[in-house]
Each structure stands twice: as C-alpha cells, then as structure tokens.
C-alpha cells in the first residue's frame, strides 16, 4: 500500500507514511486520509520510504496545507531523503513545511 495512516496513542497526531512514489496515483487516498481527521490534528508526513515526488505531489501538499488552515497548519515532514529535501528547498516549500 503506497499510503498508510496511523494515529498516536492519544489521537492528537496522525502520521501519513508514503511508500514508493508520491504522485497523482495516491491523490484520492491522500485526500481521504486527512479529510477524515479533525483540522486541528497535528500531521506528520513520513517520507522514509518515499523514493520520488513529482509536481502533483507538491500540489497535493499545498492543497493539504490550505485545507488545514495555511500558516496555522501543523505539518511536519520526517525522514525525507536528501534529494526530496533538495526539491523542497528549490521550490521554497521548506518555508511552508517543517522538517523533523
């Protein structure tokens, strides 16, 4: 499964783990995963197993962030590879998302 969702024991944080390709093929699953949670939830995007992100994935992250309230959104990107981090920096997405 390219996308898995887990909740912290206290249900205050949700981790969305992306395995393999982060692209348009997981758009519906990605959207369902966060829309089924409270907007005040803290989200972690675990990219430890993410091999590649395309432009659609960056677009999905923007929609996700806007859905959660823009600058008020609580989203942390974890375990991203150096190549993926570099893409965030080139696109200046590192200013919109926290890395942990």
N, C-alpha and C. Protein backbone atom coordinates (compact mmCIF):
# COMPACT_ATOMS: atom_id res chain seq x y z
N UNK A 1 0.85 -1.18 0.00
CA UNK A 1 0.00 0.00 0.00
C UNK A 1 0.89 1.24 0.00
N UNK A 2 0.72 2.11 -0.95
CA UNK A 2 1.58 3.28 -1.04
C UNK A 2 1.36 4.31 0.07
N UNK A 3 0.20 4.29 0.73
CA UNK A 3 -0.09 5.27 1.78
C UNK A 3 -0.69 4.54 2.97
N UNK A 4 -0.09 4.76 4.14
CA UNK A 4 -0.66 4.21 5.36
C UNK A 4 -0.85 5.35 6.35
N UNK A 5 -1.88 5.21 7.18
CA UNK A 5 -2.21 6.23 8.17
C UNK A 5 -2.21 5.58 9.54
N UNK A 6 -1.51 6.20 10.47
CA UNK A 6 -1.51 5.73 11.85
C UNK A 6 -1.74 6.92 12.77
N UNK A 7 -2.40 6.63 13.89
CA UNK A 7 -2.65 7.67 14.90
C UNK A 7 -1.80 7.42 16.12
N UNK A 8 -1.41 8.51 16.76
CA UNK A 8 -0.68 8.39 18.02
C UNK A 8 -1.63 7.82 19.08
N UNK A 9 -1.09 7.26 20.15
CA UNK A 9 -1.96 6.69 21.19
C UNK A 9 -2.98 7.69 21.76
N UNK A 10 -2.61 8.97 21.80
CA UNK A 10 -3.55 9.98 22.33
C UNK A 10 -4.44 10.57 21.24
N UNK A 11 -4.29 10.10 19.99
CA UNK A 11 -5.08 10.53 18.83
C UNK A 11 -4.90 12.00 18.47
N UNK A 12 -3.85 12.63 18.97
CA UNK A 12 -3.62 14.04 18.65
C UNK A 12 -2.72 14.23 17.45
N UNK A 13 -2.05 13.16 17.01
CA UNK A 13 -1.17 13.25 15.84
C UNK A 13 -1.49 12.10 14.89
N UNK A 14 -1.45 12.41 13.63
CA UNK A 14 -1.68 11.41 12.58
C UNK A 14 -0.45 11.39 11.69
N UNK A 15 0.06 10.19 11.45
CA UNK A 15 1.20 10.03 10.56
C UNK A 15 0.72 9.42 9.26
N UNK A 16 1.04 10.10 8.16
CA UNK A 16 0.77 9.59 6.83
C UNK A 16 2.11 9.16 6.25
N UNK A 17 2.28 7.87 6.04
CA UNK A 17 3.53 7.32 5.51
C UNK A 17 3.35 7.01 4.04
N UNK A 18 4.29 7.47 3.24
CA UNK A 18 4.21 7.29 1.79
C UNK A 18 5.34 6.37 1.37
N UNK A 19 4.96 5.25 0.78
CA UNK A 19 5.90 4.21 0.37
C UNK A 19 6.01 4.20 -1.15
N UNK A 20 7.20 4.44 -1.66
CA UNK A 20 7.41 4.41 -3.11
C UNK A 20 7.23 5.77 -3.74
N UNK A 21 6.32 5.83 -4.70
CA UNK A 21 6.11 7.06 -5.46
C UNK A 21 5.04 7.94 -4.81
N UNK A 22 5.36 9.20 -4.61
CA UNK A 22 4.39 10.18 -4.15
C UNK A 22 4.01 10.97 -5.40
N UNK A 23 2.90 10.55 -6.00
CA UNK A 23 2.47 11.16 -7.25
C UNK A 23 0.95 11.14 -7.33
N UNK A 24 0.43 11.49 -8.47
CA UNK A 24 -1.01 11.62 -8.67
C UNK A 24 -1.77 10.33 -8.38
N UNK A 25 -1.11 9.20 -8.47
CA UNK A 25 -1.78 7.91 -8.27
C UNK A 25 -2.33 7.74 -6.85
N UNK A 26 -1.81 8.49 -5.87
CA UNK A 26 -2.32 8.35 -4.50
C UNK A 26 -3.16 9.55 -4.06
N UNK A 27 -3.53 10.40 -5.00
CA UNK A 27 -4.25 11.62 -4.65
C UNK A 27 -5.52 11.34 -3.85
N UNK A 28 -6.36 10.44 -4.30
CA UNK A 28 -7.62 10.19 -3.60
C UNK A 28 -7.38 9.63 -2.21
N UNK A 29 -6.46 8.69 -2.08
CA UNK A 29 -6.16 8.11 -0.77
C UNK A 29 -5.57 9.16 0.17
N UNK A 30 -4.70 10.00 -0.36
CA UNK A 30 -4.08 11.05 0.44
C UNK A 30 -5.14 12.01 0.97
N UNK A 31 -6.03 12.44 0.09
CA UNK A 31 -7.09 13.38 0.49
C UNK A 31 -8.02 12.75 1.52
N UNK A 32 -8.45 11.53 1.29
CA UNK A 32 -9.33 10.84 2.25
C UNK A 32 -8.67 10.70 3.61
N UNK A 33 -7.37 10.45 3.61
CA UNK A 33 -6.65 10.24 4.86
C UNK A 33 -6.68 11.48 5.75
N UNK A 34 -6.52 12.65 5.17
CA UNK A 34 -6.52 13.84 6.03
C UNK A 34 -7.91 14.45 6.21
N UNK A 35 -8.79 14.29 5.24
CA UNK A 35 -10.13 14.87 5.40
C UNK A 35 -10.96 14.12 6.44
N UNK A 36 -10.57 12.90 6.77
CA UNK A 36 -11.30 12.14 7.77
C UNK A 36 -10.87 12.47 9.20
N UNK A 37 -9.94 13.41 9.34
CA UNK A 37 -9.44 13.81 10.66
C UNK A 37 -9.86 15.24 10.97
N UNK A 38 -9.75 15.60 12.25
CA UNK A 38 -10.03 16.97 12.67
C UNK A 38 -8.97 17.89 12.09
N UNK A 39 -9.36 19.10 11.72
CA UNK A 39 -8.41 20.06 11.15
C UNK A 39 -7.37 20.50 12.16
N UNK A 40 -7.65 20.34 13.44
CA UNK A 40 -6.71 20.75 14.48
C UNK A 40 -5.66 19.68 14.77
N UNK A 41 -5.77 18.55 14.13
CA UNK A 41 -4.84 17.45 14.35
C UNK A 41 -3.45 17.83 13.85
N UNK A 42 -2.44 17.36 14.56
CA UNK A 42 -1.05 17.52 14.13
C UNK A 42 -0.75 16.38 13.15
N UNK A 43 -0.22 16.73 11.98
CA UNK A 43 0.08 15.73 10.96
C UNK A 43 1.58 15.59 10.76
N UNK A 44 1.99 14.36 10.56
CA UNK A 44 3.37 14.03 10.23
C UNK A 44 3.34 13.30 8.89
N UNK A 45 4.13 13.78 7.95
CA UNK A 45 4.27 13.10 6.67
C UNK A 45 5.60 12.36 6.73
N UNK A 46 5.55 11.04 6.83
CA UNK A 46 6.75 10.23 6.92
C UNK A 46 7.17 9.81 5.51
N UNK A 47 8.32 10.30 5.09
CA UNK A 47 8.83 10.01 3.74
C UNK A 47 10.05 9.10 3.78
N UNK A 48 10.15 8.33 4.84
CA UNK A 48 11.28 7.41 4.98
C UNK A 48 11.36 6.38 3.86
N UNK A 49 10.22 6.03 3.29
CA UNK A 49 10.19 5.05 2.21
C UNK A 49 9.76 5.67 0.88
N UNK A 50 9.72 7.00 0.84
CA UNK A 50 9.33 7.69 -0.39
C UNK A 50 10.55 7.77 -1.30
N UNK A 51 10.40 7.24 -2.50
CA UNK A 51 11.50 7.20 -3.45
C UNK A 51 11.50 8.41 -4.38
N UNK A 52 10.33 8.97 -4.63
CA UNK A 52 10.22 10.02 -5.64
C UNK A 52 8.97 10.84 -5.40
N UNK A 53 9.08 12.13 -5.66
CA UNK A 53 7.92 13.03 -5.63
C UNK A 53 7.85 13.76 -6.96
N UNK A 54 6.66 13.87 -7.52
CA UNK A 54 6.51 14.67 -8.74
C UNK A 54 5.79 15.97 -8.41
N UNK A 55 5.57 16.79 -9.42
CA UNK A 55 4.94 18.09 -9.20
C UNK A 55 3.53 17.95 -8.65
N UNK A 56 2.83 16.88 -9.01
CA UNK A 56 1.48 16.66 -8.47
C UNK A 56 1.52 16.48 -6.96
N UNK A 57 2.55 15.82 -6.46
CA UNK A 57 2.68 15.62 -5.02
C UNK A 57 2.86 16.95 -4.29
N UNK A 58 3.66 17.83 -4.86
CA UNK A 58 3.84 19.15 -4.25
C UNK A 58 2.52 19.92 -4.27
N UNK A 59 1.76 19.77 -5.34
CA UNK A 59 0.45 20.39 -5.41
C UNK A 59 -0.48 19.83 -4.35
N UNK A 60 -0.44 18.52 -4.14
CA UNK A 60 -1.27 17.90 -3.11
C UNK A 60 -0.91 18.42 -1.73
N UNK A 61 0.39 18.62 -1.49
CA UNK A 61 0.81 19.17 -0.20
C UNK A 61 0.31 20.59 0.01
N UNK A 62 0.27 21.38 -1.06
CA UNK A 62 -0.27 22.75 -0.94
C UNK A 62 -1.75 22.73 -0.61
N UNK A 63 -2.51 21.88 -1.29
CA UNK A 63 -3.94 21.75 -1.01
C UNK A 63 -4.15 21.27 0.42
N UNK A 64 -3.37 20.30 0.84
CA UNK A 64 -3.41 19.76 2.21
C UNK A 64 -3.16 20.87 3.23
N UNK A 65 -2.11 21.64 3.02
CA UNK A 65 -1.76 22.74 3.93
C UNK A 65 -2.88 23.78 3.97
N UNK A 66 -3.42 24.15 2.83
CA UNK A 66 -4.52 25.11 2.78
C UNK A 66 -5.75 24.58 3.50
N UNK A 67 -6.06 23.32 3.31
CA UNK A 67 -7.20 22.68 3.97
C UNK A 67 -7.07 22.78 5.50
N UNK A 68 -5.83 22.66 5.97
CA UNK A 68 -5.58 22.71 7.41
C UNK A 68 -5.44 24.11 7.97
N UNK A 69 -5.56 25.12 7.14
CA UNK A 69 -5.52 26.49 7.63
C UNK A 69 -4.30 27.28 7.22
N UNK A 70 -3.57 26.83 6.23
CA UNK A 70 -2.41 27.59 5.75
C UNK A 70 -1.30 27.68 6.76
N UNK A 71 -0.95 28.90 7.14
CA UNK A 71 0.15 29.11 8.09
C UNK A 71 -0.15 28.53 9.47
N UNK A 72 -1.41 28.29 9.77
CA UNK A 72 -1.79 27.71 11.06
C UNK A 72 -1.68 26.19 11.07
N UNK A 73 -1.45 25.59 9.92
CA UNK A 73 -1.38 24.14 9.79
C UNK A 73 -0.22 23.58 10.60
N UNK A 74 -0.45 22.44 11.19
CA UNK A 74 0.59 21.75 11.95
C UNK A 74 1.00 20.49 11.18
N UNK A 75 2.03 20.65 10.34
CA UNK A 75 2.51 19.56 9.50
C UNK A 75 4.02 19.49 9.59
N UNK A 76 4.53 18.29 9.83
CA UNK A 76 5.97 18.06 9.87
C UNK A 76 6.31 16.99 8.85
N UNK A 77 7.36 17.25 8.07
CA UNK A 77 7.87 16.27 7.11
C UNK A 77 9.03 15.56 7.80
N UNK A 78 8.96 14.22 7.84
CA UNK A 78 10.01 13.44 8.50
C UNK A 78 10.66 12.46 7.55
N UNK A 79 11.91 12.21 7.80
CA UNK A 79 12.67 11.15 7.13
C UNK A 79 12.78 11.32 5.62
N UNK A 80 12.71 12.53 5.13
CA UNK A 80 12.84 12.77 3.68
C UNK A 80 14.30 12.58 3.26
N UNK A 81 14.48 12.01 2.09
CA UNK A 81 15.83 11.81 1.56
C UNK A 81 16.45 13.18 1.21
N UNK A 82 17.73 13.18 1.00
CA UNK A 82 18.43 14.42 0.64
C UNK A 82 17.88 14.98 -0.68
N UNK A 83 17.58 14.10 -1.63
CA UNK A 83 17.03 14.56 -2.92
C UNK A 83 15.67 15.21 -2.75
N UNK A 84 14.82 14.61 -1.92
CA UNK A 84 13.49 15.18 -1.69
C UNK A 84 13.60 16.51 -0.94
N UNK A 85 14.46 16.57 0.07
CA UNK A 85 14.67 17.83 0.78
C UNK A 85 15.16 18.91 -0.17
N UNK A 86 16.04 18.53 -1.08
CA UNK A 86 16.55 19.48 -2.05
C UNK A 86 15.42 20.02 -2.93
N UNK A 87 14.50 19.16 -3.32
CA UNK A 87 13.35 19.60 -4.12
C UNK A 87 12.50 20.59 -3.34
N UNK A 88 12.29 20.33 -2.05
CA UNK A 88 11.54 21.27 -1.21
C UNK A 88 12.24 22.62 -1.18
N UNK A 89 13.56 22.61 -1.06
CA UNK A 89 14.32 23.86 -1.00
C UNK A 89 14.28 24.61 -2.32
N UNK A 90 14.44 23.92 -3.42
CA UNK A 90 14.41 24.56 -4.74
C UNK A 90 13.07 25.24 -4.97
N UNK A 91 11.99 24.57 -4.58
CA UNK A 91 10.64 25.12 -4.76
C UNK A 91 10.23 26.06 -3.62
N UNK A 92 11.11 26.22 -2.65
CA UNK A 92 10.88 27.05 -1.46
C UNK A 92 9.72 26.54 -0.61
N UNK A 93 9.45 25.24 -0.71
CA UNK A 93 8.44 24.62 0.14
C UNK A 93 8.97 24.43 1.56
N UNK A 94 10.28 24.50 1.72
CA UNK A 94 10.86 24.36 3.05
C UNK A 94 10.45 25.53 3.96
N UNK A 95 9.94 26.58 3.35
CA UNK A 95 9.43 27.72 4.13
C UNK A 95 8.01 27.48 4.63
N UNK A 96 7.32 26.54 4.01
CA UNK A 96 5.92 26.28 4.35
C UNK A 96 5.74 25.03 5.21
N UNK A 97 6.74 24.14 5.20
CA UNK A 97 6.65 22.90 5.96
C UNK A 97 7.85 22.76 6.87
N UNK A 98 7.61 22.19 8.03
CA UNK A 98 8.68 21.95 8.99
C UNK A 98 9.26 20.56 8.74
N UNK A 99 10.55 20.44 8.94
CA UNK A 99 11.21 19.15 8.84
C UNK A 99 11.63 18.71 10.22
N UNK A 100 11.34 17.47 10.53
CA UNK A 100 11.68 16.95 11.85
C UNK A 100 12.35 15.62 11.78
